[in-house]
Amino acid sequence: MEPEPKKDISRIMREQRHVIDEALQRGIRQAMLRHKAAGLPVVIERDGKIEWVKPEDLGY
């Protein structure tokens, strides 16, 4: 079996950026919805500061 050729990550990031961004947005949304459903706060970074966001304030 031949080794798989090395992937050009820079090219993939350039050419498939929209696919990556959409996947990240879906993942974040799913995580936020799970936290909200469980009544758990989320830790975020805003303006260089760490903040706890209450489930009712998540906006999802």
PDB file of N, CA and C in Angstrom:
ATOM      1  N   MET A   1       0.847  -1.176   0.000  1.00  0.00           N
ATOM      2  CA  MET A   1       0.000   0.000   0.000  1.00  0.00           C
ATOM      3  C   MET A   1       0.894   1.240   0.000  1.00  0.00           C
ATOM      4  N   GLU A   2       0.616   2.152  -0.896  1.00  0.00           N
ATOM      5  CA  GLU A   2       1.409   3.375  -1.001  1.00  0.00           C
ATOM      6  C   GLU A   2       0.969   4.387   0.057  1.00  0.00           C
ATOM      7  N   PRO A   3       1.932   5.148   0.596  1.00  0.00           N
ATOM      8  CA  PRO A   3       1.543   6.178   1.581  1.00  0.00           C
ATOM      9  C   PRO A   3       0.709   7.272   0.926  1.00  0.00           C
ATOM     10  N   GLU A   4      -0.227   7.798   1.702  1.00  0.00           N
ATOM     11  CA  GLU A   4      -1.095   8.875   1.204  1.00  0.00           C
ATOM     12  C   GLU A   4      -0.259  10.147   1.025  1.00  0.00           C
ATOM     13  N   PRO A   5      -0.437  10.849  -0.098  1.00  0.00           N
ATOM     14  CA  PRO A   5       0.332  12.081  -0.298  1.00  0.00           C
ATOM     15  C   PRO A   5      -0.023  13.129   0.762  1.00  0.00           C
ATOM     16  N   LYS A   6       0.947  13.975   1.090  1.00  0.00           N
ATOM     17  CA  LYS A   6       0.722  15.034   2.078  1.00  0.00           C
ATOM     18  C   LYS A   6      -0.323  16.015   1.572  1.00  0.00           C
ATOM     19  N   LYS A   7      -1.187  16.447   2.465  1.00  0.00           N
ATOM     20  CA  LYS A   7      -2.225  17.413   2.101  1.00  0.00           C
ATOM     21  C   LYS A   7      -1.682  18.834   2.251  1.00  0.00           C
ATOM     22  N   ASP A   8      -2.070  19.683   1.343  1.00  0.00           N
ATOM     23  CA  ASP A   8      -1.665  21.092   1.394  1.00  0.00           C
ATOM     24  C   ASP A   8      -2.725  21.854   2.191  1.00  0.00           C
ATOM     25  N   ILE A   9      -2.486  21.971   3.495  1.00  0.00           N
ATOM     26  CA  ILE A   9      -3.460  22.590   4.389  1.00  0.00           C
ATOM     27  C   ILE A   9      -3.737  24.046   4.009  1.00  0.00           C
ATOM     28  N   SER A  10      -2.706  24.769   3.612  1.00  0.00           N
ATOM     29  CA  SER A  10      -2.901  26.173   3.215  1.00  0.00           C
ATOM     30  C   SER A  10      -3.853  26.283   2.036  1.00  0.00           C
ATOM     31  N   ARG A  11      -3.706  25.405   1.064  1.00  0.00           N
ATOM     32  CA  ARG A  11      -4.589  25.417  -0.115  1.00  0.00           C
ATOM     33  C   ARG A  11      -6.010  25.051   0.288  1.00  0.00           C
ATOM     34  N   ILE A  12      -6.139  24.034   1.132  1.00  0.00           N
ATOM     35  CA  ILE A  12      -7.474  23.618   1.579  1.00  0.00           C
ATOM     36  C   ILE A  12      -8.158  24.766   2.321  1.00  0.00           C
ATOM     37  N   MET A  13      -7.422  25.446   3.207  1.00  0.00           N
ATOM     38  CA  MET A  13      -7.997  26.569   3.954  1.00  0.00           C
ATOM     39  C   MET A  13      -8.430  27.691   3.017  1.00  0.00           C
ATOM     40  N   ARG A  14      -7.662  27.933   1.966  1.00  0.00           N
ATOM     41  CA  ARG A  14      -8.014  28.979   0.999  1.00  0.00           C
ATOM     42  C   ARG A  14      -9.226  28.586   0.167  1.00  0.00           C
ATOM     43  N   GLU A  15      -9.193  27.388  -0.375  1.00  0.00           N
ATOM     44  CA  GLU A  15     -10.218  26.979  -1.338  1.00  0.00           C
ATOM     45  C   GLU A  15     -11.511  26.488  -0.689  1.00  0.00           C
ATOM     46  N   GLN A  16     -11.436  25.991   0.512  1.00  0.00           N
ATOM     47  CA  GLN A  16     -12.614  25.415   1.162  1.00  0.00           C
ATOM     48  C   GLN A  16     -13.024  26.202   2.410  1.00  0.00           C
ATOM     49  N   ARG A  17     -12.619  27.452   2.485  1.00  0.00           N
ATOM     50  CA  ARG A  17     -12.871  28.260   3.677  1.00  0.00           C
ATOM     51  C   ARG A  17     -14.352  28.316   4.041  1.00  0.00           C
ATOM     52  N   HIS A  18     -15.213  28.463   3.044  1.00  0.00           N
ATOM     53  CA  HIS A  18     -16.650  28.568   3.326  1.00  0.00           C
ATOM     54  C   HIS A  18     -17.191  27.277   3.947  1.00  0.00           C
ATOM     55  N   VAL A  19     -16.686  26.140   3.510  1.00  0.00           N
ATOM     56  CA  VAL A  19     -17.127  24.854   4.055  1.00  0.00           C
ATOM     57  C   VAL A  19     -16.692  24.743   5.516  1.00  0.00           C
ATOM     58  N   ILE A  20     -15.467  25.142   5.787  1.00  0.00           N
ATOM     59  CA  ILE A  20     -14.932  25.098   7.153  1.00  0.00           C
ATOM     60  C   ILE A  20     -15.707  26.045   8.053  1.00  0.00           C
ATOM     61  N   ASP A  21     -15.949  27.269   7.590  1.00  0.00           N
ATOM     62  CA  ASP A  21     -16.696  28.256   8.382  1.00  0.00           C
ATOM     63  C   ASP A  21     -18.101  27.764   8.701  1.00  0.00           C
ATOM     64  N   GLU A  22     -18.776  27.183   7.721  1.00  0.00           N
ATOM     65  CA  GLU A  22     -20.137  26.676   7.934  1.00  0.00           C
ATOM     66  C   GLU A  22     -20.142  25.541   8.952  1.00  0.00           C
ATOM     67  N   ALA A  23     -19.168  24.656   8.877  1.00  0.00           N
ATOM     68  CA  ALA A  23     -19.086  23.544   9.825  1.00  0.00           C
ATOM     69  C   ALA A  23     -18.836  24.059  11.245  1.00  0.00           C
ATOM     70  N   LEU A  24     -17.971  25.043  11.380  1.00  0.00           N
ATOM     71  CA  LEU A  24     -17.714  25.628  12.692  1.00  0.00           C
ATOM     72  C   LEU A  24     -18.960  26.309  13.252  1.00  0.00           C
ATOM     73  N   GLN A  25     -19.674  27.033  12.417  1.00  0.00           N
ATOM     74  CA  GLN A  25     -20.894  27.715  12.870  1.00  0.00           C
ATOM     75  C   GLN A  25     -21.944  26.703  13.321  1.00  0.00           C
ATOM     76  N   ARG A  26     -22.099  25.603  12.578  1.00  0.00           N
ATOM     77  CA  ARG A  26     -23.062  24.564  12.974  1.00  0.00           C
ATOM     78  C   ARG A  26     -22.668  23.938  14.308  1.00  0.00           C
ATOM     79  N   GLY A  27     -21.382  23.668  14.470  1.00  0.00           N
ATOM     80  CA  GLY A  27     -20.900  23.073  15.713  1.00  0.00           C
ATOM     81  C   GLY A  27     -21.105  23.983  16.910  1.00  0.00           C
ATOM     82  N   ILE A  28     -20.828  25.255  16.725  1.00  0.00           N
ATOM     83  CA  ILE A  28     -21.021  26.229  17.808  1.00  0.00           C
ATOM     84  C   ILE A  28     -22.495  26.325  18.162  1.00  0.00           C
ATOM     85  N   ARG A  29     -23.343  26.398  17.152  1.00  0.00           N
ATOM     86  CA  ARG A  29     -24.787  26.487  17.406  1.00  0.00           C
ATOM     87  C   ARG A  29     -25.281  25.267  18.178  1.00  0.00           C
ATOM     88  N   GLN A  30     -24.852  24.082  17.759  1.00  0.00           N
ATOM     89  CA  GLN A  30     -25.269  22.853  18.445  1.00  0.00           C
ATOM     90  C   GLN A  30     -24.805  22.856  19.898  1.00  0.00           C
ATOM     91  N   ALA A  31     -23.567  23.293  20.133  1.00  0.00           N
ATOM     92  CA  ALA A  31     -23.051  23.342  21.504  1.00  0.00           C
ATOM     93  C   ALA A  31     -23.846  24.339  22.347  1.00  0.00           C
ATOM     94  N   MET A  32     -24.152  25.486  21.789  1.00  0.00           N
ATOM     95  CA  MET A  32     -24.912  26.498  22.525  1.00  0.00           C
ATOM     96  C   MET A  32     -26.312  25.989  22.850  1.00  0.00           C
ATOM     97  N   LEU A  33     -26.949  25.314  21.901  1.00  0.00           N
ATOM     98  CA  LEU A  33     -28.289  24.777  22.139  1.00  0.00           C
ATOM     99  C   LEU A  33     -28.269  23.698  23.222  1.00  0.00           C
ATOM    100  N   ARG A  34     -27.220  22.870  23.233  1.00  0.00           N
ATOM    101  CA  ARG A  34     -27.105  21.839  24.276  1.00  0.00           C
ATOM    102  C   ARG A  34     -26.922  22.487  25.652  1.00  0.00           C
ATOM    103  N   HIS A  35     -26.094  23.519  25.722  1.00  0.00           N
ATOM    104  CA  HIS A  35     -25.894  24.220  26.989  1.00  0.00           C
ATOM    105  C   HIS A  35     -27.193  24.855  27.456  1.00  0.00           C
ATOM    106  N   LYS A  36     -27.895  25.496  26.538  1.00  0.00           N
ATOM    107  CA  LYS A  36     -29.149  26.159  26.898  1.00  0.00           C
ATOM    108  C   LYS A  36     -30.181  25.139  27.390  1.00  0.00           C
ATOM    109  N   ALA A  37     -30.296  24.015  26.679  1.00  0.00           N
ATOM    110  CA  ALA A  37     -31.258  22.979  27.064  1.00  0.00           C
ATOM    111  C   ALA A  37     -30.925  22.385  28.435  1.00  0.00           C
ATOM    112  N   ALA A  38     -29.634  22.305  28.746  1.00  0.00           N
ATOM    113  CA  ALA A  38     -29.207  21.752  30.031  1.00  0.00           C
ATOM    114  C   ALA A  38     -29.181  22.800  31.136  1.00  0.00           C
ATOM    115  N   GLY A  39     -29.426  24.059  30.769  1.00  0.00           N
ATOM    116  CA  GLY A  39     -29.413  25.130  31.758  1.00  0.00           C
ATOM    117  C   GLY A  39     -28.015  25.505  32.223  1.00  0.00           C
ATOM    118  N   LEU A  40     -27.020  25.280  31.370  1.00  0.00           N
ATOM    119  CA  LEU A  40     -25.629  25.547  31.725  1.00  0.00           C
ATOM    120  C   LEU A  40     -25.117  26.833  31.080  1.00  0.00           C
ATOM    121  N   PRO A  41     -24.319  27.601  31.800  1.00  0.00           N
ATOM    122  CA  PRO A  41     -23.724  28.806  31.208  1.00  0.00           C
ATOM    123  C   PRO A  41     -22.609  28.427  30.239  1.00  0.00           C
ATOM    124  N   VAL A  42     -22.221  29.386  29.431  1.00  0.00           N
ATOM    125  CA  VAL A  42     -21.144  29.210  28.459  1.00  0.00           C
ATOM    126  C   VAL A  42     -20.074  30.253  28.756  1.00  0.00           C
ATOM    127  N   VAL A  43     -18.826  29.850  28.661  1.00  0.00           N
ATOM    128  CA  VAL A  43     -17.713  30.782  28.845  1.00  0.00           C
ATOM    129  C   VAL A  43     -17.297  31.289  27.467  1.00  0.00           C
ATOM    130  N   ILE A  44     -17.225  32.620  27.324  1.00  0.00           N
ATOM    131  CA  ILE A  44     -16.810  33.221  26.055  1.00  0.00           C
ATOM    132  C   ILE A  44     -15.732  34.270  26.326  1.00  0.00           C
ATOM    133  N   GLU A  45     -15.054  34.674  25.273  1.00  0.00           N
ATOM    134  CA  GLU A  45     -14.092  35.770  25.345  1.00  0.00           C
ATOM    135  C   GLU A  45     -14.712  36.937  24.595  1.00  0.00           C
ATOM    136  N   ARG A  46     -14.787  38.077  25.274  1.00  0.00           N
ATOM    137  CA  ARG A  46     -15.359  39.267  24.661  1.00  0.00           C
ATOM    138  C   ARG A  46     -14.485  40.460  25.028  1.00  0.00           C
ATOM    139  N   ASP A  47     -13.976  41.148  24.018  1.00  0.00           N
ATOM    140  CA  ASP A  47     -13.118  42.318  24.238  1.00  0.00           C
ATOM    141  C   ASP A  47     -11.920  42.002  25.137  1.00  0.00           C
ATOM    142  N   GLY A  48     -11.355  40.809  24.947  1.00  0.00           N
ATOM    143  CA  GLY A  48     -10.176  40.419  25.708  1.00  0.00           C
ATOM    144  C   GLY A  48     -10.455  39.952  27.124  1.00  0.00           C
ATOM    145  N   LYS A  49     -11.725  39.842  27.493  1.00  0.00           N
ATOM    146  CA  LYS A  49     -12.087  39.408  28.843  1.00  0.00           C
ATOM    147  C   LYS A  49     -12.909  38.128  28.765  1.00  0.00           C
ATOM    148  N   ILE A  50     -12.765  37.291  29.780  1.00  0.00           N
ATOM    149  CA  ILE A  50     -13.528  36.047  29.880  1.00  0.00           C
ATOM    150  C   ILE A  50     -14.851  36.349  30.571  1.00  0.00           C
ATOM    151  N   GLU A  51     -15.949  35.861  29.996  1.00  0.00           N
ATOM    152  CA  GLU A  51     -17.284  36.111  30.559  1.00  0.00           C
ATOM    153  C   GLU A  51     -18.078  34.813  30.621  1.00  0.00           C
ATOM    154  N   TRP A  52     -18.890  34.676  31.642  1.00  0.00           N
ATOM    155  CA  TRP A  52     -19.860  33.593  31.750  1.00  0.00           C
ATOM    156  C   TRP A  52     -21.189  34.139  31.223  1.00  0.00           C
ATOM    157  N   VAL A  53     -21.799  33.431  30.287  1.00  0.00           N
ATOM    158  CA  VAL A  53     -23.087  33.851  29.714  1.00  0.00           C
ATOM    159  C   VAL A  53     -24.152  32.883  30.211  1.00  0.00           C
ATOM    160  N   LYS A  54     -25.184  33.433  30.812  1.00  0.00           N
ATOM    161  CA  LYS A  54     -26.290  32.611  31.314  1.00  0.00           C
ATOM    162  C   LYS A  54     -27.021  31.950  30.140  1.00  0.00           C
ATOM    163  N   PRO A  55     -27.589  30.769  30.368  1.00  0.00           N
ATOM    164  CA  PRO A  55     -28.296  30.072  29.282  1.00  0.00           C
ATOM    165  C   PRO A  55     -29.402  30.914  28.653  1.00  0.00           C
ATOM    166  N   GLU A  56     -30.119  31.679  29.477  1.00  0.00           N
ATOM    167  CA  GLU A  56     -31.227  32.487  28.941  1.00  0.00           C
ATOM    168  C   GLU A  56     -30.733  33.664  28.104  1.00  0.00           C
ATOM    169  N   ASP A  57     -29.451  33.997  28.218  1.00  0.00           N
ATOM    170  CA  ASP A  57     -28.883  35.110  27.458  1.00  0.00           C
ATOM    171  C   ASP A  57     -28.135  34.665  26.192  1.00  0.00           C
ATOM    172  N   LEU A  58     -28.174  33.376  25.881  1.00  0.00           N
ATOM    173  CA  LEU A  58     -27.405  32.868  24.739  1.00  0.00           C
ATOM    174  C   LEU A  58     -27.943  33.331  23.394  1.00  0.00           C
ATOM    175  N   GLY A  59     -29.235  33.544  23.289  1.00  0.00           N
ATOM    176  CA  GLY A  59     -29.792  34.033  22.030  1.00  0.00           C
ATOM    177  C   GLY A  59     -30.015  32.961  20.982  1.00  0.00           C
ATOM    178  N   TYR A  60     -29.964  31.708  21.368  1.00  0.00           N
ATOM    179  CA  TYR A  60     -30.217  30.612  20.412  1.00  0.00           C
ATOM    180  C   TYR A  60     -31.548  30.002  20.683  1.00  0.00           C
TER     181      TYR A  60
END
